[in-house]
Amino acid sequence: MKATPLVLFLLFTIAKGLHNPKCDATHQHDHDGSTLQVFHVFSPCSPFRPSKPMSWEESVLKLQAKDQARMQYLSSLVARRSIVPIASGRQITQSPTYIVKAKIGTPAQTLLLAMDTSNDASWVPCTACVGCSTTTPFAPAKSTTFKKVGCGASQCKQVRNPTCDGSACAFNFTYGTSSVAASLVQDTVTLATDPVPAYAFGCIQKVTGSSVPPQGLLGLGRGPLSLLAQTQKLYQSTFSYCLPSFKTLNFSGSLRLGPVAQPKRIKFTPLLKNPRRSSLYYVNLVAIRVGRRIVDIPPEALAFNANTGAGTVFDSGNV
């Protein structure tokens, strides 16, 4: 198979120049390219925002706690080889940092998805899911383009420990204290105004345990079931994102798909591959500068090591 280049632009925050979010404006597609709005979890457009307003200090402490749990999850990915690619960490499923809106099915059903660059496959809670806490699950029966993935399909071989539910592909995975049962299915997923037919994703049927996912997940990793892999012809393995700051809740960020109108004046760094966790975006970080001062960190603490999984990754689940 011919190797295809992977291009990843990472444009971090800053709220200046971003537009005031309209919560019902889920996409944009014109000469500027295909773009989805990205909302911070504390945004007025997010159903996961705190019920009571938080101070700046309270917001920072809560985000810090999420980051610590997220780091533990990422460390577990490289420590064990038997990780289910479709599973995500407890914090990203319970309280994602950045969310987007996507449409699934025909006619389209709008769902909220956590944007996750550290996982491959996407998944959503489906109707009749036992243990799912979401109030807006995906309803397969209402979609004319929905179908289950067969046990003999190539996608079924790409999930860990697949089983056969009759002739359909099913699988189980765990994270935290929860276990999840899901079916591997296909349907049309609309990103911006681009329909992606027969997109493979997980349809969650049952959750047991205390880590109950309230929303879906958009997998932006590097594996075969990721958004990049399934839309390679459409978006040429290219995306960028600009993350909104939690301090500017009246602004949204963006997830831009495809090479059209990507930033011109940017600097590049190679993306490294780690066989222990090939989905992650590793980079060769050599130093950290705060202002004009380089932080005193031993080089070996930052060094990339494919044998141990040590190194630096770009991760949309951390602040």
C-alpha atoms as a PDB file:
ATOM      1  CA  MET A   1       0.000   0.000   0.000  1.00  0.00           C
ATOM      2  CA  LYS A   2       1.333   3.403  -0.906  1.00  0.00           C
ATOM      3  CA  ALA A   3       2.145   5.500   2.110  1.00  0.00           C
ATOM      4  CA  THR A   4       0.215   8.742   2.410  1.00  0.00           C
ATOM      5  CA  PRO A   5       1.621  11.819   4.118  1.00  0.00           C
ATOM      6  CA  LEU A   6       0.010  12.992   7.316  1.00  0.00           C
ATOM      7  CA  VAL A   7      -0.207  16.702   7.872  1.00  0.00           C
ATOM      8  CA  LEU A   8      -1.258  18.054  11.255  1.00  0.00           C
ATOM      9  CA  PHE A   9      -1.462  21.750  12.052  1.00  0.00           C
ATOM     10  CA  LEU A  10      -1.941  22.693  15.694  1.00  0.00           C
ATOM     11  CA  LEU A  11      -3.117  26.235  16.285  1.00  0.00           C
ATOM     12  CA  PHE A  12      -3.508  26.817  19.987  1.00  0.00           C
ATOM     13  CA  THR A  13      -5.943  29.230  21.500  1.00  0.00           C
ATOM     14  CA  ILE A  14      -6.099  32.344  21.347  1.00  0.00           C
ATOM     15  CA  ALA A  15      -9.455  33.917  21.408  1.00  0.00           C
ATOM     16  CA  LYS A  16      -8.470  37.089  19.587  1.00  0.00           C
ATOM     17  CA  GLY A  17      -9.882  37.081  16.105  1.00  0.00           C
ATOM     18  CA  LEU A  18     -12.255  34.222  16.789  1.00  0.00           C
ATOM     19  CA  HIS A  19     -15.937  34.763  16.201  1.00  0.00           C
ATOM     20  CA  ASN A  20     -18.745  34.934  18.688  1.00  0.00           C
ATOM     21  CA  PRO A  21     -20.284  31.470  18.713  1.00  0.00           C
ATOM     22  CA  LYS A  22     -23.767  30.759  17.514  1.00  0.00           C
ATOM     23  CA  CYS A  23     -24.660  27.470  19.093  1.00  0.00           C
ATOM     24  CA  ASP A  24     -26.733  26.393  16.116  1.00  0.00           C
ATOM     25  CA  ALA A  25     -24.000  27.217  13.595  1.00  0.00           C
ATOM     26  CA  THR A  26     -22.488  23.747  13.357  1.00  0.00           C
ATOM     27  CA  HIS A  27     -20.441  24.070  10.187  1.00  0.00           C
ATOM     28  CA  GLN A  28     -18.961  26.217   7.496  1.00  0.00           C
ATOM     29  CA  HIS A  29     -17.959  25.250   3.962  1.00  0.00           C
ATOM     30  CA  ASP A  30     -16.904  27.868   1.444  1.00  0.00           C
ATOM     31  CA  HIS A  31     -13.695  29.186  -0.044  1.00  0.00           C
ATOM     32  CA  ASP A  32     -12.196  29.033   3.453  1.00  0.00           C
ATOM     33  CA  GLY A  33     -12.572  25.243   3.593  1.00  0.00           C
ATOM     34  CA  SER A  34     -14.571  22.820   5.717  1.00  0.00           C
ATOM     35  CA  THR A  35     -14.766  23.913   9.331  1.00  0.00           C
ATOM     36  CA  LEU A  36     -16.514  22.744  12.488  1.00  0.00           C
ATOM     37  CA  GLN A  37     -16.848  24.994  15.499  1.00  0.00           C
ATOM     38  CA  VAL A  38     -15.018  23.841  18.615  1.00  0.00           C
ATOM     39  CA  PHE A  39     -16.534  24.693  21.992  1.00  0.00           C
ATOM     40  CA  HIS A  40     -14.845  24.611  25.359  1.00  0.00           C
ATOM     41  CA  VAL A  41     -16.619  22.415  27.873  1.00  0.00           C
ATOM     42  CA  PHE A  42     -17.359  25.525  29.971  1.00  0.00           C
ATOM     43  CA  SER A  43     -18.797  27.432  26.985  1.00  0.00           C
ATOM     44  CA  PRO A  44     -22.415  28.685  27.076  1.00  0.00           C
ATOM     45  CA  CYS A  45     -22.981  26.386  24.081  1.00  0.00           C
ATOM     46  CA  SER A  46     -21.916  23.313  26.062  1.00  0.00           C
ATOM     47  CA  PRO A  47     -24.465  21.215  27.974  1.00  0.00           C
ATOM     48  CA  PHE A  48     -21.567  20.112  30.185  1.00  0.00           C
ATOM     49  CA  ARG A  49     -20.890  23.610  31.515  1.00  0.00           C
ATOM     50  CA  PRO A  50     -21.073  24.034  35.304  1.00  0.00           C
ATOM     51  CA  SER A  51     -24.548  24.627  36.674  1.00  0.00           C
ATOM     52  CA  LYS A  52     -23.175  27.557  38.676  1.00  0.00           C
ATOM     53  CA  PRO A  53     -20.660  30.140  37.399  1.00  0.00           C
ATOM     54  CA  MET A  54     -17.101  29.430  38.524  1.00  0.00           C
ATOM     55  CA  SER A  55     -14.367  31.883  39.351  1.00  0.00           C
ATOM     56  CA  TRP A  56     -11.160  31.956  37.324  1.00  0.00           C
ATOM     57  CA  GLU A  57      -9.344  30.113  40.133  1.00  0.00           C
ATOM     58  CA  GLU A  58     -12.040  27.430  40.359  1.00  0.00           C
ATOM     59  CA  SER A  59     -11.894  26.893  36.597  1.00  0.00           C
ATOM     60  CA  VAL A  60      -8.115  26.489  36.668  1.00  0.00           C
ATOM     61  CA  LEU A  61      -8.242  23.983  39.530  1.00  0.00           C
ATOM     62  CA  LYS A  62     -10.927  21.921  37.831  1.00  0.00           C
ATOM     63  CA  LEU A  63      -9.027  21.856  34.536  1.00  0.00           C
ATOM     64  CA  GLN A  64      -5.851  20.927  36.390  1.00  0.00           C
ATOM     65  CA  ALA A  65      -7.589  17.933  37.963  1.00  0.00           C
ATOM     66  CA  LYS A  66      -8.819  16.844  34.539  1.00  0.00           C
ATOM     67  CA  ASP A  67      -5.317  17.160  33.101  1.00  0.00           C
ATOM     68  CA  GLN A  68      -3.834  14.989  35.843  1.00  0.00           C
ATOM     69  CA  ALA A  69      -6.351  12.232  35.167  1.00  0.00           C
ATOM     70  CA  ARG A  70      -5.777  12.588  31.432  1.00  0.00           C
ATOM     71  CA  MET A  71      -2.009  12.221  31.876  1.00  0.00           C
ATOM     72  CA  GLN A  72      -2.528   9.015  33.834  1.00  0.00           C
ATOM     73  CA  TYR A  73      -4.676   7.707  31.012  1.00  0.00           C
ATOM     74  CA  LEU A  74      -2.129   8.600  28.303  1.00  0.00           C
ATOM     75  CA  SER A  75       0.633   6.966  30.334  1.00  0.00           C
ATOM     76  CA  SER A  76      -1.428   3.780  30.528  1.00  0.00           C
ATOM     77  CA  LEU A  77      -1.682   3.695  26.739  1.00  0.00           C
ATOM     78  CA  VAL A  78       2.046   3.213  26.270  1.00  0.00           C
ATOM     79  CA  ALA A  79       2.470   0.997  29.333  1.00  0.00           C
ATOM     80  CA  ARG A  80       0.204  -1.733  27.987  1.00  0.00           C
ATOM     81  CA  ARG A  81      -0.109  -3.210  24.516  1.00  0.00           C
ATOM     82  CA  SER A  82      -3.608  -4.595  25.063  1.00  0.00           C
ATOM     83  CA  ILE A  83      -5.414  -1.269  24.722  1.00  0.00           C
ATOM     84  CA  VAL A  84      -8.710  -1.209  22.874  1.00  0.00           C
ATOM     85  CA  PRO A  85      -8.322   1.527  20.221  1.00  0.00           C
ATOM     86  CA  ILE A  86     -11.942   2.658  20.461  1.00  0.00           C
ATOM     87  CA  ALA A  87     -11.828   3.263  24.217  1.00  0.00           C
ATOM     88  CA  SER A  88     -11.057   6.634  25.697  1.00  0.00           C
ATOM     89  CA  GLY A  89     -10.065   7.890  29.136  1.00  0.00           C
ATOM     90  CA  ARG A  90     -12.464   8.424  31.954  1.00  0.00           C
ATOM     91  CA  GLN A  91     -12.084  12.186  31.998  1.00  0.00           C
ATOM     92  CA  ILE A  92     -12.599  12.719  28.273  1.00  0.00           C
ATOM     93  CA  THR A  93     -15.829  10.736  28.308  1.00  0.00           C
ATOM     94  CA  GLN A  94     -17.216  12.216  31.486  1.00  0.00           C
ATOM     95  CA  SER A  95     -16.118  15.806  30.981  1.00  0.00           C
ATOM     96  CA  PRO A  96     -14.441  16.562  27.643  1.00  0.00           C
ATOM     97  CA  THR A  97     -12.354  19.691  27.312  1.00  0.00           C
ATOM     98  CA  TYR A  98     -13.319  20.470  23.713  1.00  0.00           C
ATOM     99  CA  ILE A  99     -16.447  19.389  21.884  1.00  0.00           C
ATOM    100  CA  VAL A 100     -17.785  19.666  18.343  1.00  0.00           C
ATOM    101  CA  LYS A 101     -21.147  19.114  16.730  1.00  0.00           C
ATOM    102  CA  ALA A 102     -21.533  16.541  13.969  1.00  0.00           C
ATOM    103  CA  LYS A 103     -24.486  15.061  12.105  1.00  0.00           C
ATOM    104  CA  ILE A 104     -25.043  11.337  11.785  1.00  0.00           C
ATOM    105  CA  GLY A 105     -27.577   9.409   9.722  1.00  0.00           C
ATOM    106  CA  THR A 106     -30.244  10.158   7.114  1.00  0.00           C
ATOM    107  CA  PRO A 107     -32.056  12.348   7.969  1.00  0.00           C
ATOM    108  CA  ALA A 108     -29.248  13.854  10.004  1.00  0.00           C
ATOM    109  CA  GLN A 109     -29.207  13.712  13.801  1.00  0.00           C
ATOM    110  CA  THR A 110     -26.998  16.304  15.520  1.00  0.00           C
ATOM    111  CA  LEU A 111     -24.740  14.927  18.243  1.00  0.00           C
ATOM    112  CA  LEU A 112     -22.031  16.359  20.475  1.00  0.00           C
ATOM    113  CA  LEU A 113     -18.656  14.653  20.173  1.00  0.00           C
ATOM    114  CA  ALA A 114     -15.544  15.057  22.289  1.00  0.00           C
ATOM    115  CA  MET A 115     -12.588  15.928  20.057  1.00  0.00           C
ATOM    116  CA  ASP A 116      -9.839  13.409  20.844  1.00  0.00           C
ATOM    117  CA  THR A 117      -6.525  13.212  18.987  1.00  0.00           C
ATOM    118  CA  SER A 118      -5.399  10.275  21.135  1.00  0.00           C
ATOM    119  CA  ASN A 119      -8.011   7.789  19.947  1.00  0.00           C
ATOM    120  CA  ASP A 120      -8.794   6.323  16.565  1.00  0.00           C
ATOM    121  CA  ALA A 121     -12.393   5.266  16.250  1.00  0.00           C
ATOM    122  CA  SER A 122     -15.439   7.400  16.908  1.00  0.00           C
ATOM    123  CA  TRP A 123     -18.358   6.201  18.977  1.00  0.00           C
ATOM    124  CA  VAL A 124     -21.762   7.401  20.149  1.00  0.00           C
ATOM    125  CA  PRO A 125     -24.337   6.245  22.721  1.00  0.00           C
ATOM    126  CA  CYS A 126     -27.303   4.682  20.933  1.00  0.00           C
ATOM    127  CA  THR A 127     -30.969   4.458  21.868  1.00  0.00           C
ATOM    128  CA  ALA A 128     -31.901   1.745  24.349  1.00  0.00           C
ATOM    129  CA  CYS A 129     -28.366   1.863  25.742  1.00  0.00           C
ATOM    130  CA  VAL A 130     -28.394   0.446  29.247  1.00  0.00           C
ATOM    131  CA  GLY A 131     -26.403   2.644  31.624  1.00  0.00           C
ATOM    132  CA  CYS A 132     -25.805   5.561  29.235  1.00  0.00           C
ATOM    133  CA  SER A 133     -26.567   8.932  30.821  1.00  0.00           C
ATOM    134  CA  THR A 134     -27.021  10.963  27.648  1.00  0.00           C
ATOM    135  CA  THR A 135     -30.419  12.464  26.880  1.00  0.00           C
ATOM    136  CA  THR A 136     -29.717  12.690  23.141  1.00  0.00           C
ATOM    137  CA  PRO A 137     -28.522   9.277  21.929  1.00  0.00           C
ATOM    138  CA  PHE A 138     -28.191   8.341  18.279  1.00  0.00           C
ATOM    139  CA  ALA A 139     -31.320   6.577  16.994  1.00  0.00           C
ATOM    140  CA  PRO A 140     -30.296   3.998  14.349  1.00  0.00           C
ATOM    141  CA  ALA A 141     -33.908   3.101  13.570  1.00  0.00           C
ATOM    142  CA  LYS A 142     -34.535   6.647  12.330  1.00  0.00           C
ATOM    143  CA  SER A 143     -31.699   6.539   9.776  1.00  0.00           C
ATOM    144  CA  THR A 144     -32.217   5.058   6.316  1.00  0.00           C
ATOM    145  CA  THR A 145     -28.462   4.760   5.725  1.00  0.00           C
ATOM    146  CA  PHE A 146     -27.606   2.897   8.938  1.00  0.00           C
ATOM    147  CA  LYS A 147     -26.217  -0.627   8.779  1.00  0.00           C
ATOM    148  CA  LYS A 148     -24.250  -2.972  10.970  1.00  0.00           C
ATOM    149  CA  VAL A 149     -20.746  -4.064  10.045  1.00  0.00           C
ATOM    150  CA  GLY A 150     -20.474  -7.767   9.272  1.00  0.00           C
ATOM    151  CA  CYS A 151     -18.101 -10.098  11.090  1.00  0.00           C
ATOM    152  CA  GLY A 152     -16.104 -10.690   7.919  1.00  0.00           C
ATOM    153  CA  ALA A 153     -15.578  -7.004   7.149  1.00  0.00           C
ATOM    154  CA  SER A 154     -12.088  -5.536   7.328  1.00  0.00           C
ATOM    155  CA  GLN A 155     -13.244  -2.938   9.882  1.00  0.00           C
ATOM    156  CA  CYS A 156     -14.227  -5.718  12.290  1.00  0.00           C
ATOM    157  CA  LYS A 157     -10.638  -6.943  12.296  1.00  0.00           C
ATOM    158  CA  GLN A 158      -9.466  -3.457  13.269  1.00  0.00           C
ATOM    159  CA  VAL A 159     -11.182  -3.421  16.669  1.00  0.00           C
ATOM    160  CA  ARG A 160      -9.685  -5.299  19.577  1.00  0.00           C
ATOM    161  CA  ASN A 161     -11.273  -8.625  20.529  1.00  0.00           C
ATOM    162  CA  PRO A 162     -14.235  -8.538  18.107  1.00  0.00           C
ATOM    163  CA  THR A 163     -17.113 -10.941  18.611  1.00  0.00           C
ATOM    164  CA  CYS A 164     -20.033 -11.957  16.438  1.00  0.00           C
ATOM    165  CA  ASP A 165     -23.569 -11.043  17.432  1.00  0.00           C
ATOM    166  CA  GLY A 166     -25.276 -13.200  14.858  1.00  0.00           C
ATOM    167  CA  SER A 167     -23.624 -11.983  11.656  1.00  0.00           C
ATOM    168  CA  ALA A 168     -22.845  -8.497  12.989  1.00  0.00           C
ATOM    169  CA  CYS A 169     -19.556  -7.304  14.487  1.00  0.00           C
ATOM    170  CA  ALA A 170     -19.661  -6.520  18.203  1.00  0.00           C
ATOM    171  CA  PHE A 171     -17.007  -5.877  20.834  1.00  0.00           C
ATOM    172  CA  ASN A 172     -16.456  -5.013  24.480  1.00  0.00           C
ATOM    173  CA  PHE A 173     -13.951  -2.634  26.013  1.00  0.00           C
ATOM    174  CA  THR A 174     -13.132  -1.267  29.432  1.00  0.00           C
ATOM    175  CA  TYR A 175     -11.838   1.970  30.910  1.00  0.00           C
ATOM    176  CA  GLY A 176     -11.622   3.066  34.500  1.00  0.00           C
ATOM    177  CA  THR A 177     -14.173   1.064  36.454  1.00  0.00           C
ATOM    178  CA  SER A 178     -16.571   0.718  33.533  1.00  0.00           C
ATOM    179  CA  SER A 179     -17.140  -1.918  30.903  1.00  0.00           C
ATOM    180  CA  VAL A 180     -18.821  -1.089  27.610  1.00  0.00           C
ATOM    181  CA  ALA A 181     -20.579  -3.263  25.035  1.00  0.00           C
ATOM    182  CA  ALA A 182     -20.903  -1.866  21.523  1.00  0.00           C
ATOM    183  CA  SER A 183     -21.720  -2.772  17.957  1.00  0.00           C
ATOM    184  CA  LEU A 184     -19.546  -1.710  15.051  1.00  0.00           C
ATOM    185  CA  VAL A 185     -21.816   0.084  12.603  1.00  0.00           C
ATOM    186  CA  GLN A 186     -21.758   2.321   9.549  1.00  0.00           C
ATOM    187  CA  ASP A 187     -23.746   5.411   8.626  1.00  0.00           C
ATOM    188  CA  THR A 188     -23.360   8.720   6.856  1.00  0.00           C
ATOM    189  CA  VAL A 189     -21.488  11.243   8.994  1.00  0.00           C
ATOM    190  CA  THR A 190     -21.652  14.889   7.924  1.00  0.00           C
ATOM    191  CA  LEU A 191     -18.679  17.054   8.884  1.00  0.00           C
ATOM    192  CA  ALA A 192     -19.094  20.686   7.915  1.00  0.00           C
ATOM    193  CA  THR A 193     -21.246  20.140   4.816  1.00  0.00           C
ATOM    194  CA  ASP A 194     -19.249  17.134   3.634  1.00  0.00           C
ATOM    195  CA  PRO A 195     -21.173  13.845   3.835  1.00  0.00           C
ATOM    196  CA  VAL A 196     -18.975  10.833   4.531  1.00  0.00           C
ATOM    197  CA  PRO A 197     -20.971   7.711   3.577  1.00  0.00           C
ATOM    198  CA  ALA A 198     -20.484   4.364   5.315  1.00  0.00           C
ATOM    199  CA  TYR A 199     -18.412   5.855   8.134  1.00  0.00           C
ATOM    200  CA  ALA A 200     -17.556   3.108  10.647  1.00  0.00           C
ATOM    201  CA  PHE A 201     -18.027   3.875  14.356  1.00  0.00           C
ATOM    202  CA  GLY A 202     -19.062   2.271  17.611  1.00  0.00           C
ATOM    203  CA  CYS A 203     -22.706   2.211  18.673  1.00  0.00           C
ATOM    204  CA  ILE A 204     -22.728   1.789  22.455  1.00  0.00           C
ATOM    205  CA  GLN A 205     -25.379  -0.609  23.753  1.00  0.00           C
ATOM    206  CA  LYS A 206     -24.501  -1.094  27.418  1.00  0.00           C
ATOM    207  CA  VAL A 207     -22.343   0.540  30.077  1.00  0.00           C
ATOM    208  CA  THR A 208     -21.691  -0.837  33.555  1.00  0.00           C
ATOM    209  CA  GLY A 209     -19.641   0.865  36.246  1.00  0.00           C
ATOM    210  CA  SER A 210     -19.222   4.414  37.481  1.00  0.00           C
ATOM    211  CA  SER A 211     -17.582   5.921  34.369  1.00  0.00           C
ATOM    212  CA  VAL A 212     -20.655   6.510  32.238  1.00  0.00           C
ATOM    213  CA  PRO A 213     -20.052   8.457  29.003  1.00  0.00           C
ATOM    214  CA  PRO A 214     -22.632  11.216  28.437  1.00  0.00           C
ATOM    215  CA  GLN A 215     -21.610  12.065  24.866  1.00  0.00           C
ATOM    216  CA  GLY A 216     -19.877  10.651  21.814  1.00  0.00           C
ATOM    217  CA  LEU A 217     -16.285  10.866  20.696  1.00  0.00           C
ATOM    218  CA  LEU A 218     -14.649  11.947  17.430  1.00  0.00           C
ATOM    219  CA  GLY A 219     -11.438   9.959  16.986  1.00  0.00           C
ATOM    220  CA  LEU A 220      -8.694  12.051  15.382  1.00  0.00           C
ATOM    221  CA  GLY A 221      -5.819   9.616  15.938  1.00  0.00           C
ATOM    222  CA  ARG A 222      -3.592   7.952  13.352  1.00  0.00           C
ATOM    223  CA  GLY A 223      -5.129   4.452  13.226  1.00  0.00           C
ATOM    224  CA  PRO A 224      -7.192   2.711  10.506  1.00  0.00           C
ATOM    225  CA  LEU A 225     -10.591   3.591  12.000  1.00  0.00           C
ATOM    226  CA  SER A 226      -9.783   7.251  12.659  1.00  0.00           C
ATOM    227  CA  LEU A 227     -11.355  10.234  10.936  1.00  0.00           C
ATOM    228  CA  LEU A 228      -8.157  10.780   8.935  1.00  0.00           C
ATOM    229  CA  ALA A 229      -8.057   7.206   7.666  1.00  0.00           C
ATOM    230  CA  GLN A 230     -11.729   7.068   6.691  1.00  0.00           C
ATOM    231  CA  THR A 231     -11.674  10.463   4.938  1.00  0.00           C
ATOM    232  CA  GLN A 232      -8.217  10.255   3.375  1.00  0.00           C
ATOM    233  CA  LYS A 233      -9.454  10.885  -0.161  1.00  0.00           C
ATOM    234  CA  LEU A 234     -11.658  13.771   0.950  1.00  0.00           C
ATOM    235  CA  TYR A 235      -9.346  15.570   3.375  1.00  0.00           C
ATOM    236  CA  GLN A 236      -5.931  14.186   2.341  1.00  0.00           C
ATOM    237  CA  SER A 237      -4.963  13.397   5.932  1.00  0.00           C
ATOM    238  CA  THR A 238      -4.943  17.086   6.802  1.00  0.00           C
ATOM    239  CA  PHE A 239      -6.604  18.951   9.631  1.00  0.00           C
ATOM    240  CA  SER A 240      -5.905  21.825  11.960  1.00  0.00           C
ATOM    241  CA  TYR A 241      -7.545  23.107  15.085  1.00  0.00           C
ATOM    242  CA  CYS A 242      -7.633  26.351  17.008  1.00  0.00           C
ATOM    243  CA  LEU A 243      -8.661  25.832  20.613  1.00  0.00           C
ATOM    244  CA  PRO A 244     -10.778  28.409  22.462  1.00  0.00           C
ATOM    245  CA  SER A 245      -9.607  29.570  25.852  1.00  0.00           C
ATOM    246  CA  PHE A 246     -11.691  28.799  28.917  1.00  0.00           C
ATOM    247  CA  LYS A 247     -11.207  32.459  29.919  1.00  0.00           C
ATOM    248  CA  THR A 248     -13.108  33.703  26.852  1.00  0.00           C
ATOM    249  CA  LEU A 249     -16.303  31.719  26.977  1.00  0.00           C
ATOM    250  CA  ASN A 250     -18.029  33.894  24.394  1.00  0.00           C
ATOM    251  CA  PHE A 251     -15.719  32.698  21.632  1.00  0.00           C
ATOM    252  CA  SER A 252     -15.413  29.402  19.792  1.00  0.00           C
ATOM    253  CA  GLY A 253     -12.490  27.673  18.148  1.00  0.00           C
ATOM    254  CA  SER A 254     -12.403  25.702  14.935  1.00  0.00           C
ATOM    255  CA  LEU A 255     -11.566  22.288  13.517  1.00  0.00           C
ATOM    256  CA  ARG A 256     -10.599  22.731   9.856  1.00  0.00           C
ATOM    257  CA  LEU A 257     -10.634  19.662   7.643  1.00  0.00           C
ATOM    258  CA  GLY A 258      -8.647  19.266   4.437  1.00  0.00           C
ATOM    259  CA  PRO A 259      -5.801  21.221   2.810  1.00  0.00           C
ATOM    260  CA  VAL A 260      -7.946  24.104   1.535  1.00  0.00           C
ATOM    261  CA  ALA A 261      -7.179  27.449   3.196  1.00  0.00           C
ATOM    262  CA  GLN A 262      -4.877  26.009   5.816  1.00  0.00           C
ATOM    263  CA  PRO A 263      -2.464  28.526   7.379  1.00  0.00           C
ATOM    264  CA  LYS A 264       0.403  29.562   5.107  1.00  0.00           C
ATOM    265  CA  ARG A 265       2.900  31.037   7.557  1.00  0.00           C
ATOM    266  CA  ILE A 266       3.571  28.110   9.834  1.00  0.00           C
ATOM    267  CA  LYS A 267       6.560  26.113  11.032  1.00  0.00           C
ATOM    268  CA  PHE A 268       6.758  22.343  10.744  1.00  0.00           C
ATOM    269  CA  THR A 269       8.118  19.616  12.977  1.00  0.00           C
ATOM    270  CA  PRO A 270       8.227  15.896  12.122  1.00  0.00           C
ATOM    271  CA  LEU A 271       5.632  13.586  13.646  1.00  0.00           C
ATOM    272  CA  LEU A 272       7.212  10.474  15.139  1.00  0.00           C
ATOM    273  CA  LYS A 273       5.699   6.992  15.343  1.00  0.00           C
ATOM    274  CA  ASN A 274       5.698   4.910  18.476  1.00  0.00           C
ATOM    275  CA  PRO A 275       4.941   1.195  17.943  1.00  0.00           C
ATOM    276  CA  ARG A 276       3.602   0.951  21.486  1.00  0.00           C
ATOM    277  CA  ARG A 277       0.875   3.448  20.649  1.00  0.00           C
ATOM    278  CA  SER A 278       0.865   4.190  16.947  1.00  0.00           C
ATOM    279  CA  SER A 279      -2.249   6.381  17.231  1.00  0.00           C
ATOM    280  CA  LEU A 280      -0.518   9.144  19.192  1.00  0.00           C
ATOM    281  CA  TYR A 281       1.106  12.226  17.637  1.00  0.00           C
ATOM    282  CA  TYR A 282       4.652  12.154  19.020  1.00  0.00           C
ATOM    283  CA  VAL A 283       7.093  15.024  18.482  1.00  0.00           C
ATOM    284  CA  ASN A 284      10.747  15.482  19.389  1.00  0.00           C
ATOM    285  CA  LEU A 285      10.530  18.059  22.169  1.00  0.00           C
ATOM    286  CA  VAL A 286      14.028  19.254  23.110  1.00  0.00           C
ATOM    287  CA  ALA A 287      13.344  22.177  25.459  1.00  0.00           C
ATOM    288  CA  ILE A 288      10.649  24.357  27.039  1.00  0.00           C
ATOM    289  CA  ARG A 289      10.969  28.124  27.120  1.00  0.00           C
ATOM    290  CA  VAL A 290       8.953  30.430  29.379  1.00  0.00           C
ATOM    291  CA  GLY A 291       9.403  33.966  28.130  1.00  0.00           C
ATOM    292  CA  ARG A 292      13.115  34.205  27.355  1.00  0.00           C
ATOM    293  CA  ARG A 293      14.134  31.610  29.887  1.00  0.00           C
ATOM    294  CA  ILE A 294      14.666  27.932  29.105  1.00  0.00           C
ATOM    295  CA  VAL A 295      13.285  25.699  31.839  1.00  0.00           C
ATOM    296  CA  ASP A 296      15.940  23.526  33.455  1.00  0.00           C
ATOM    297  CA  ILE A 297      14.764  20.059  32.434  1.00  0.00           C
ATOM    298  CA  PRO A 298      17.185  17.159  31.840  1.00  0.00           C
ATOM    299  CA  PRO A 299      17.203  16.238  28.106  1.00  0.00           C
ATOM    300  CA  GLU A 300      16.574  12.585  28.933  1.00  0.00           C
ATOM    301  CA  ALA A 301      13.264  13.550  30.556  1.00  0.00           C
ATOM    302  CA  LEU A 302      12.004  14.849  27.199  1.00  0.00           C
ATOM    303  CA  ALA A 303      13.661  12.305  24.904  1.00  0.00           C
ATOM    304  CA  PHE A 304      11.558  10.131  22.610  1.00  0.00           C
ATOM    305  CA  ASN A 305      11.988   6.395  23.220  1.00  0.00           C
ATOM    306  CA  ALA A 306      10.067   3.976  21.023  1.00  0.00           C
ATOM    307  CA  ASN A 307      10.991   1.039  23.271  1.00  0.00           C
ATOM    308  CA  THR A 308       9.464   2.459  26.443  1.00  0.00           C
ATOM    309  CA  GLY A 309       6.812   4.761  24.962  1.00  0.00           C
ATOM    310  CA  ALA A 310       8.362   7.827  26.580  1.00  0.00           C
ATOM    311  CA  GLY A 311       8.110  11.131  24.766  1.00  0.00           C
ATOM    312  CA  THR A 312       5.908  14.130  24.071  1.00  0.00           C
ATOM    313  CA  VAL A 313       2.528  13.977  22.340  1.00  0.00           C
ATOM    314  CA  PHE A 314       0.039  16.536  21.097  1.00  0.00           C
ATOM    315  CA  ASP A 315      -3.257  15.801  22.822  1.00  0.00           C
ATOM    316  CA  SER A 316      -6.536  17.676  22.443  1.00  0.00           C
ATOM    317  CA  GLY A 317      -7.755  16.345  25.794  1.00  0.00           C
ATOM    318  CA  ASN A 318      -5.260  18.395  27.797  1.00  0.00           C
ATOM    319  CA  VAL A 319      -5.362  22.145  28.352  1.00  0.00           C
END
